[in-house]
């Protein structure tokens, strides 16, 4: 009698497991994902992601895992805002944050935070528009001091550029256009004194450049652009 009871329990367990498997990765009548879904890596068949769809639309929080035996959580996407908007967080295998920010239809939008290896100290603040860097990016030292400020336009460096040392002294104050140095530029030594200044055109020094040593002008030269470069 005990044998039959164990056997019945065994088949009930198998039935429940089979039922639980059929309750995931389902489609609705229109062929759209609906309910709980779990994706796996093609080769290892380890869990790659898990989350819930509502007639093809992601709902709640999706979790993503790496392809290791441990299956570490490496990213989350929170779709609570709706309309294809998610708050996405990337995580390293130690559980520290790597970066986080908003995505619209899985494309970066607005401000993103990137962290130093400790997962707590901000390494950079980046601004995106339709997946491309756009606007001001700020980069920070591990102690929190500003290291760089750089402008971007549609993914290309464009606009102001400033570089600092850890004490907050400006080392470079220049401008970029279409990814190249362009316009007036001033370079400083570690004490904040001007070391050189002049103009760039399409990445090349142009016109009169002045060079200083301990606040004294020591050299002045006229720079000519390569023949193939024309000034706008």
Foldseek 3Di string as FASTA:
>chain_A
DVVVVVVVVVVVVVVVVVVVVVQEQDADPVRAHAAKYWDADPPPRHTAKIAGDHRNHGAAKMWGFDPDPVGATAKMWGCHVDQQKTWMWGADRVGATQKIAIDRVNAGAAWMFGADPVNPHTQKIFHDDRNATAAWMWGADSVGHTAKIFGDDRNATFFWIWGADPVGATAKTFGDDRNATAAKIFGADNVNATAKIAGDARRHGAAWMFGDDPNHTDDIDGDDDPPVDDHD
